[in-house]
Structure formats: structure tokens, C-alpha cells
């Protein structure tokens, strides 16, 4: 899965040349290369849109997740990136997340760091209207 994500990112980098500065493209490329060098990691089902608008709380206190529009098989650590201060803007969120789900491993942190750069690239491509849909491996 890491190799596929890095390959997808390389495709998007080619399209991003007129959109992003050369230095930012080089930084993203270095993170994609590092991502591809990680040991193979199995893909798992991920929601990938954990936002308050997608959570329902019943009168009994049961929390349910809705809106599976972005759900797909992906790296588990990418699903946790919403709890990172760099993406959430909420420094205490990672600690609260880890209290409930357990500590992030060093590998989780590497995946998150490298994939944050892929997410920046993806957002830039979508904003520019040049986004292409790459198919996930089956």
C-alpha cells in the first residue's frame, strides 16, 4: 500500500508542476520516496473523514459514525492523522486519541508524517481542478 500511495503521489507531482513551487515539489517527492521505502503495511478499512459532522450520539450515549463517502482500504495510520496537532490544530487531540486507542508506533508516526505531504499535494490538485482518480490496488 505504501508503494501504491507513493506511485499515486508521483503521478500527481507531474501534474502539480505548474501549481506548486519547485521547492515544495521536491520536499513532497522526498517524503513520497521515504514512504515507498517503508516495510510493506497491510491496508485496512478506513473511514478517512472523522469530523464532528460525521458523528452521532444517541440519547443512551452510543456514538455512531456516518457518511462513508471517503471510506476505502488505506493505511491505518492515515485514519489517525486527523488526531495529529499538525492537521487538527488541536494540540490535546492526539493525547486524547491515544488514551482511547493506544499509543502510535514509530512506524505510525512515519506514515503520518509522509502522508501529510501527500495530503497537501492532493488538496492542491483538487483545488486546481487537475485531480485525477487513481485506482486503489485490489
N, C-alpha and C. Protein backbone atom coordinates (compact mmCIF):
# COMPACT_ATOMS: atom_id res chain seq x y z
N UNK A 1 0.82 -1.19 0.00
CA UNK A 1 0.00 0.00 0.00
C UNK A 1 0.87 1.26 0.00
N UNK A 2 1.99 1.24 0.72
CA UNK A 2 2.85 2.41 0.75
C UNK A 2 3.41 2.70 -0.64
N UNK A 3 3.76 1.63 -1.36
CA UNK A 3 4.28 1.80 -2.72
C UNK A 3 3.23 2.38 -3.65
N UNK A 4 1.99 1.91 -3.52
CA UNK A 4 0.92 2.44 -4.36
C UNK A 4 0.67 3.92 -4.06
N UNK A 5 0.64 4.29 -2.78
CA UNK A 5 0.44 5.69 -2.42
C UNK A 5 1.56 6.56 -2.98
N UNK A 6 2.80 6.08 -2.87
CA UNK A 6 3.93 6.85 -3.40
C UNK A 6 3.83 6.97 -4.92
N UNK A 7 3.43 5.90 -5.59
CA UNK A 7 3.27 5.93 -7.05
C UNK A 7 2.16 6.92 -7.43
N UNK A 8 1.06 6.87 -6.73
CA UNK A 8 -0.04 7.83 -6.98
C UNK A 8 0.46 9.26 -6.79
N UNK A 9 1.22 9.49 -5.73
CA UNK A 9 1.77 10.81 -5.48
C UNK A 9 2.69 11.27 -6.59
N UNK A 10 3.50 10.36 -7.14
CA UNK A 10 4.39 10.73 -8.25
C UNK A 10 3.59 11.17 -9.47
N UNK A 11 2.48 10.48 -9.74
CA UNK A 11 1.61 10.88 -10.86
C UNK A 11 1.09 12.29 -10.64
N UNK A 12 0.66 12.57 -9.41
CA UNK A 12 0.11 13.88 -9.10
C UNK A 12 1.20 14.95 -9.12
N UNK A 13 2.43 14.59 -8.74
CA UNK A 13 3.53 15.56 -8.78
C UNK A 13 3.77 16.07 -10.20
N UNK A 14 3.69 15.17 -11.17
CA UNK A 14 3.87 15.60 -12.57
C UNK A 14 2.82 16.65 -12.94
N UNK A 15 1.58 16.41 -12.51
CA UNK A 15 0.51 17.35 -12.82
C UNK A 15 0.62 18.64 -12.00
N UNK A 16 1.27 18.57 -10.87
CA UNK A 16 1.35 19.73 -9.97
C UNK A 16 2.45 20.71 -10.33
N UNK A 17 3.28 20.39 -11.29
CA UNK A 17 4.41 21.27 -11.61
C UNK A 17 3.99 22.71 -11.88
N UNK A 18 2.89 22.97 -12.59
CA UNK A 18 2.53 24.38 -12.77
C UNK A 18 1.80 24.99 -11.56
N UNK A 19 1.47 24.16 -10.58
CA UNK A 19 0.64 24.61 -9.46
C UNK A 19 1.46 24.91 -8.21
N UNK A 20 2.47 24.10 -7.91
CA UNK A 20 3.24 24.23 -6.68
C UNK A 20 4.67 24.67 -6.97
N UNK A 21 5.29 25.41 -6.05
CA UNK A 21 6.69 25.82 -6.23
C UNK A 21 7.63 24.61 -6.29
N UNK A 22 8.71 24.76 -7.02
CA UNK A 22 9.68 23.67 -7.22
C UNK A 22 10.19 23.12 -5.88
N UNK A 23 10.44 24.00 -4.92
CA UNK A 23 10.96 23.54 -3.62
C UNK A 23 9.94 22.66 -2.90
N UNK A 24 8.68 23.04 -2.98
CA UNK A 24 7.64 22.24 -2.33
C UNK A 24 7.47 20.89 -3.03
N UNK A 25 7.57 20.88 -4.35
CA UNK A 25 7.50 19.63 -5.10
C UNK A 25 8.64 18.70 -4.68
N UNK A 26 9.84 19.26 -4.50
CA UNK A 26 11.00 18.45 -4.10
C UNK A 26 10.80 17.89 -2.70
N UNK A 27 10.27 18.69 -1.80
CA UNK A 27 10.01 18.22 -0.43
C UNK A 27 8.98 17.10 -0.43
N UNK A 28 7.91 17.27 -1.19
CA UNK A 28 6.88 16.23 -1.27
C UNK A 28 7.48 14.96 -1.87
N UNK A 29 8.27 15.10 -2.93
CA UNK A 29 8.88 13.92 -3.56
C UNK A 29 9.75 13.16 -2.57
N UNK A 30 10.53 13.87 -1.74
CA UNK A 30 11.39 13.17 -0.78
C UNK A 30 10.54 12.39 0.23
N UNK A 31 9.40 12.92 0.62
CA UNK A 31 8.52 12.19 1.54
C UNK A 31 7.86 11.00 0.84
N UNK A 32 7.52 11.14 -0.43
CA UNK A 32 6.95 10.01 -1.17
C UNK A 32 7.99 8.89 -1.30
N UNK A 33 9.22 9.25 -1.56
CA UNK A 33 10.28 8.24 -1.66
C UNK A 33 10.49 7.53 -0.32
N UNK A 34 10.46 8.29 0.77
CA UNK A 34 10.60 7.69 2.10
C UNK A 34 9.41 6.78 2.40
N UNK A 35 8.22 7.19 2.00
CA UNK A 35 7.03 6.36 2.20
C UNK A 35 7.17 5.04 1.45
N UNK A 36 7.65 5.10 0.23
CA UNK A 36 7.82 3.89 -0.58
C UNK A 36 8.85 2.95 0.02
N UNK A 37 9.81 3.47 0.79
CA UNK A 37 10.87 2.65 1.38
C UNK A 37 10.45 1.96 2.68
N UNK A 38 9.30 2.33 3.23
CA UNK A 38 8.84 1.68 4.45
C UNK A 38 8.50 0.23 4.16
N UNK A 39 8.58 -0.60 5.17
CA UNK A 39 8.20 -2.00 5.02
C UNK A 39 6.75 -2.08 4.57
N UNK A 40 6.40 -3.14 3.85
CA UNK A 40 5.00 -3.27 3.42
C UNK A 40 4.05 -3.24 4.62
N UNK A 41 2.97 -2.50 4.46
CA UNK A 41 1.97 -2.35 5.51
C UNK A 41 0.62 -2.74 4.91
N UNK A 42 -0.09 -3.60 5.59
CA UNK A 42 -1.39 -4.04 5.09
C UNK A 42 -2.40 -2.90 5.14
N UNK A 43 -3.26 -2.87 4.15
CA UNK A 43 -4.36 -1.90 4.12
C UNK A 43 -5.52 -2.42 4.97
N UNK A 44 -6.21 -1.50 5.60
CA UNK A 44 -7.39 -1.83 6.40
C UNK A 44 -8.52 -0.88 6.00
N UNK A 45 -9.73 -1.24 6.35
CA UNK A 45 -10.87 -0.36 6.06
C UNK A 45 -10.75 0.90 6.91
N UNK A 46 -10.81 2.06 6.27
CA UNK A 46 -10.67 3.35 6.96
C UNK A 46 -11.81 4.28 6.56
N UNK A 47 -12.32 5.01 7.52
CA UNK A 47 -13.39 5.98 7.27
C UNK A 47 -12.85 7.21 6.54
N UNK A 48 -11.74 7.75 7.00
CA UNK A 48 -11.00 8.85 6.41
C UNK A 48 -11.72 10.20 6.38
N UNK A 49 -12.78 10.34 7.15
CA UNK A 49 -13.44 11.65 7.25
C UNK A 49 -14.01 11.81 8.66
N UNK A 50 -13.13 11.62 9.64
CA UNK A 50 -13.56 11.72 11.04
C UNK A 50 -13.68 13.18 11.43
N UNK A 51 -14.86 13.69 11.33
CA UNK A 51 -15.16 15.07 11.69
C UNK A 51 -16.42 15.07 12.55
N UNK A 52 -16.58 16.06 13.39
CA UNK A 52 -17.78 16.09 14.25
C UNK A 52 -19.09 15.93 13.49
N UNK A 53 -19.14 16.45 12.27
CA UNK A 53 -20.38 16.35 11.48
C UNK A 53 -20.72 14.90 11.11
N UNK A 54 -19.75 14.00 11.23
CA UNK A 54 -19.97 12.60 10.87
C UNK A 54 -20.15 11.70 12.09
N UNK A 55 -20.37 12.29 13.24
CA UNK A 55 -20.59 11.52 14.46
C UNK A 55 -21.98 11.81 15.00
N UNK A 56 -22.67 10.75 15.39
CA UNK A 56 -23.98 10.89 16.02
C UNK A 56 -23.90 10.30 17.42
N UNK A 57 -24.54 10.95 18.36
CA UNK A 57 -24.59 10.45 19.73
C UNK A 57 -26.04 10.19 20.07
N UNK A 58 -26.33 8.95 20.45
CA UNK A 58 -27.70 8.60 20.81
C UNK A 58 -28.00 9.09 22.23
N UNK A 59 -29.28 9.13 22.61
CA UNK A 59 -29.62 9.51 23.98
C UNK A 59 -28.97 8.61 25.03
N UNK A 60 -28.66 7.37 24.64
CA UNK A 60 -28.00 6.43 25.56
C UNK A 60 -26.49 6.63 25.60
N UNK A 61 -25.98 7.56 24.79
CA UNK A 61 -24.54 7.84 24.79
C UNK A 61 -23.74 7.03 23.79
N UNK A 62 -24.40 6.25 22.94
CA UNK A 62 -23.69 5.46 21.93
C UNK A 62 -23.29 6.38 20.78
N UNK A 63 -22.03 6.32 20.40
CA UNK A 63 -21.51 7.12 19.30
C UNK A 63 -21.51 6.27 18.03
N UNK A 64 -22.05 6.82 16.96
CA UNK A 64 -22.08 6.15 15.67
C UNK A 64 -21.41 7.05 14.63
N UNK A 65 -20.75 6.41 13.68
CA UNK A 65 -20.11 7.14 12.59
C UNK A 65 -21.01 7.03 11.37
N UNK A 66 -21.16 8.17 10.68
CA UNK A 66 -21.95 8.20 9.44
C UNK A 66 -21.09 8.75 8.30
N UNK A 67 -21.63 8.76 7.11
CA UNK A 67 -21.02 9.35 5.93
C UNK A 67 -19.75 8.63 5.54
N UNK A 68 -19.89 7.57 4.78
CA UNK A 68 -18.76 6.76 4.37
C UNK A 68 -18.30 7.08 2.95
N UNK A 69 -18.55 8.32 2.51
CA UNK A 69 -18.20 8.75 1.15
C UNK A 69 -16.71 8.58 0.86
N UNK A 70 -15.85 8.85 1.83
CA UNK A 70 -14.41 8.78 1.62
C UNK A 70 -13.80 7.46 2.09
N UNK A 71 -14.62 6.55 2.58
CA UNK A 71 -14.10 5.29 3.13
C UNK A 71 -13.46 4.44 2.03
N UNK A 72 -12.36 3.80 2.39
CA UNK A 72 -11.68 2.90 1.47
C UNK A 72 -10.63 2.13 2.26
N UNK A 73 -10.02 1.16 1.61
CA UNK A 73 -8.89 0.49 2.23
C UNK A 73 -7.69 1.42 2.13
N UNK A 74 -7.01 1.60 3.24
CA UNK A 74 -5.87 2.51 3.30
C UNK A 74 -4.99 2.09 4.47
N UNK A 75 -3.96 2.85 4.74
CA UNK A 75 -3.10 2.58 5.88
C UNK A 75 -3.79 3.05 7.16
N UNK A 76 -3.80 2.21 8.17
CA UNK A 76 -4.48 2.55 9.42
C UNK A 76 -3.98 3.87 9.99
N UNK A 77 -2.69 4.12 9.89
CA UNK A 77 -2.13 5.36 10.44
C UNK A 77 -2.69 6.60 9.75
N UNK A 78 -3.10 6.48 8.49
CA UNK A 78 -3.69 7.63 7.81
C UNK A 78 -5.03 7.99 8.44
N UNK A 79 -5.72 7.01 8.96
CA UNK A 79 -7.00 7.28 9.60
C UNK A 79 -6.80 8.01 10.92
N UNK A 80 -5.63 7.86 11.51
CA UNK A 80 -5.36 8.54 12.79
C UNK A 80 -4.79 9.94 12.59
N UNK A 81 -4.44 10.29 11.37
CA UNK A 81 -3.78 11.59 11.15
C UNK A 81 -4.69 12.76 11.51
N UNK A 82 -6.00 12.54 11.55
CA UNK A 82 -6.90 13.62 11.95
C UNK A 82 -6.69 14.02 13.41
N UNK A 83 -6.03 13.15 14.19
CA UNK A 83 -5.79 13.45 15.60
C UNK A 83 -4.45 14.15 15.82
N UNK A 84 -3.66 14.34 14.78
CA UNK A 84 -2.35 14.96 14.93
C UNK A 84 -2.48 16.47 15.00
N UNK A 85 -1.73 17.09 15.89
CA UNK A 85 -1.80 18.55 16.02
C UNK A 85 -1.54 19.28 14.71
N UNK A 86 -0.68 18.73 13.86
CA UNK A 86 -0.36 19.40 12.60
C UNK A 86 -1.57 19.52 11.69
N UNK A 87 -2.49 18.56 11.75
CA UNK A 87 -3.66 18.61 10.88
C UNK A 87 -4.90 19.10 11.60
N UNK A 88 -4.99 18.85 12.88
CA UNK A 88 -6.21 19.21 13.60
C UNK A 88 -6.18 20.62 14.15
N UNK A 89 -4.97 21.14 14.40
CA UNK A 89 -4.86 22.44 15.04
C UNK A 89 -5.23 22.38 16.52
N UNK A 90 -5.36 21.18 17.05
CA UNK A 90 -5.74 20.98 18.45
C UNK A 90 -4.68 20.12 19.14
N UNK A 91 -3.75 20.73 19.85
CA UNK A 91 -2.63 20.00 20.45
C UNK A 91 -3.04 18.85 21.37
N UNK A 92 -4.13 18.95 22.11
CA UNK A 92 -4.51 17.90 23.04
C UNK A 92 -5.23 16.73 22.39
N UNK A 93 -5.57 16.85 21.11
CA UNK A 93 -6.35 15.81 20.45
C UNK A 93 -5.58 14.51 20.31
N UNK A 94 -4.30 14.59 19.99
CA UNK A 94 -3.52 13.36 19.84
C UNK A 94 -3.46 12.59 21.16
N UNK A 95 -3.24 13.29 22.26
CA UNK A 95 -3.19 12.63 23.56
C UNK A 95 -4.53 11.96 23.87
N UNK A 96 -5.63 12.66 23.62
CA UNK A 96 -6.96 12.09 23.87
C UNK A 96 -7.20 10.88 22.98
N UNK A 97 -6.80 10.97 21.72
CA UNK A 97 -6.95 9.86 20.78
C UNK A 97 -6.18 8.64 21.28
N UNK A 98 -4.92 8.86 21.68
CA UNK A 98 -4.08 7.75 22.11
C UNK A 98 -4.56 7.13 23.42
N UNK A 99 -5.19 7.92 24.28
CA UNK A 99 -5.76 7.36 25.50
C UNK A 99 -6.85 6.35 25.17
N UNK A 100 -7.59 6.62 24.13
CA UNK A 100 -8.68 5.72 23.75
C UNK A 100 -8.24 4.56 22.89
N UNK A 101 -7.25 4.77 22.03
CA UNK A 101 -6.88 3.75 21.06
C UNK A 101 -5.49 3.17 21.22
N UNK A 102 -4.72 3.72 22.12
CA UNK A 102 -3.35 3.24 22.31
C UNK A 102 -2.35 4.14 21.61
N UNK A 103 -1.11 4.03 22.04
CA UNK A 103 -0.05 4.88 21.53
C UNK A 103 0.24 4.59 20.07
N UNK A 104 0.64 5.63 19.36
CA UNK A 104 1.08 5.47 17.98
C UNK A 104 2.49 4.91 17.97
N UNK A 105 2.74 3.97 17.08
CA UNK A 105 4.09 3.40 16.97
C UNK A 105 4.97 4.35 16.17
N UNK A 106 6.26 4.06 16.18
CA UNK A 106 7.20 4.86 15.38
C UNK A 106 6.84 4.75 13.90
N UNK A 107 6.41 3.57 13.46
CA UNK A 107 6.00 3.39 12.07
C UNK A 107 4.75 4.20 11.77
N UNK A 108 3.78 4.20 12.70
CA UNK A 108 2.58 5.03 12.51
C UNK A 108 2.97 6.49 12.30
N UNK A 109 3.88 6.96 13.13
CA UNK A 109 4.30 8.37 13.04
C UNK A 109 5.00 8.67 11.71
N UNK A 110 5.79 7.72 11.23
CA UNK A 110 6.45 7.90 9.92
C UNK A 110 5.40 7.96 8.81
N UNK A 111 4.45 7.05 8.83
CA UNK A 111 3.39 7.04 7.81
C UNK A 111 2.64 8.36 7.83
N UNK A 112 2.27 8.81 9.02
CA UNK A 112 1.53 10.07 9.14
C UNK A 112 2.36 11.23 8.59
N UNK A 113 3.63 11.31 8.99
CA UNK A 113 4.48 12.41 8.52
C UNK A 113 4.56 12.43 7.00
N UNK A 114 4.83 11.28 6.40
CA UNK A 114 4.98 11.24 4.94
C UNK A 114 3.65 11.47 4.23
N UNK A 115 2.58 10.93 4.78
CA UNK A 115 1.28 11.08 4.12
C UNK A 115 0.70 12.49 4.27
N UNK A 116 1.12 13.23 5.28
CA UNK A 116 0.67 14.63 5.37
C UNK A 116 1.10 15.40 4.13
N UNK A 117 2.27 15.10 3.61
CA UNK A 117 2.76 15.76 2.40
C UNK A 117 1.96 15.30 1.18
N UNK A 118 1.59 14.03 1.15
CA UNK A 118 0.71 13.54 0.08
C UNK A 118 -0.65 14.24 0.16
N UNK A 119 -1.14 14.46 1.37
CA UNK A 119 -2.43 15.14 1.55
C UNK A 119 -2.37 16.59 1.07
N UNK A 120 -1.25 17.26 1.30
CA UNK A 120 -1.07 18.64 0.80
C UNK A 120 -1.11 18.63 -0.73
N UNK A 121 -0.42 17.68 -1.32
CA UNK A 121 -0.41 17.55 -2.78
C UNK A 121 -1.82 17.29 -3.31
N UNK A 122 -2.53 16.37 -2.67
CA UNK A 122 -3.89 16.05 -3.08
C UNK A 122 -4.79 17.27 -3.01
N UNK A 123 -4.71 18.01 -1.92
CA UNK A 123 -5.54 19.21 -1.76
C UNK A 123 -5.21 20.24 -2.84
N UNK A 124 -3.94 20.42 -3.14
CA UNK A 124 -3.55 21.38 -4.18
C UNK A 124 -4.08 20.96 -5.55
N UNK A 125 -4.03 19.68 -5.83
CA UNK A 125 -4.50 19.21 -7.12
C UNK A 125 -6.02 19.35 -7.23
N UNK A 126 -6.71 19.04 -6.17
CA UNK A 126 -8.18 19.20 -6.20
C UNK A 126 -8.55 20.67 -6.35
N UNK A 127 -7.86 21.54 -5.64
CA UNK A 127 -8.15 22.98 -5.72
C UNK A 127 -7.87 23.52 -7.12
N UNK A 128 -6.89 22.95 -7.80
CA UNK A 128 -6.53 23.43 -9.13
C UNK A 128 -7.44 22.87 -10.22
N UNK A 129 -8.25 21.87 -9.85
CA UNK A 129 -9.12 21.23 -10.84
C UNK A 129 -8.40 20.20 -11.68
N UNK A 130 -7.17 19.86 -11.34
CA UNK A 130 -6.38 18.90 -12.12
C UNK A 130 -6.35 17.51 -11.51
N UNK A 131 -7.14 17.29 -10.49
CA UNK A 131 -7.09 16.00 -9.80
C UNK A 131 -7.49 14.88 -10.75
N UNK A 132 -6.80 13.77 -10.62
CA UNK A 132 -7.14 12.57 -11.37
C UNK A 132 -7.45 11.48 -10.39
N UNK A 133 -8.25 10.57 -10.78
CA UNK A 133 -8.61 9.47 -9.88
C UNK A 133 -7.72 8.26 -10.21
N UNK A 134 -6.91 7.93 -9.24
CA UNK A 134 -6.09 6.73 -9.36
C UNK A 134 -6.79 5.61 -8.62
N UNK A 135 -6.76 4.45 -9.18
CA UNK A 135 -7.46 3.32 -8.55
C UNK A 135 -6.59 2.67 -7.49
N UNK A 136 -7.22 2.32 -6.39
CA UNK A 136 -6.52 1.61 -5.32
C UNK A 136 -6.27 0.17 -5.74
N UNK A 137 -5.21 -0.43 -5.23
CA UNK A 137 -4.95 -1.85 -5.54
C UNK A 137 -6.04 -2.71 -4.92
N UNK A 138 -6.33 -3.81 -5.57
CA UNK A 138 -7.36 -4.73 -5.06
C UNK A 138 -6.75 -5.89 -4.35
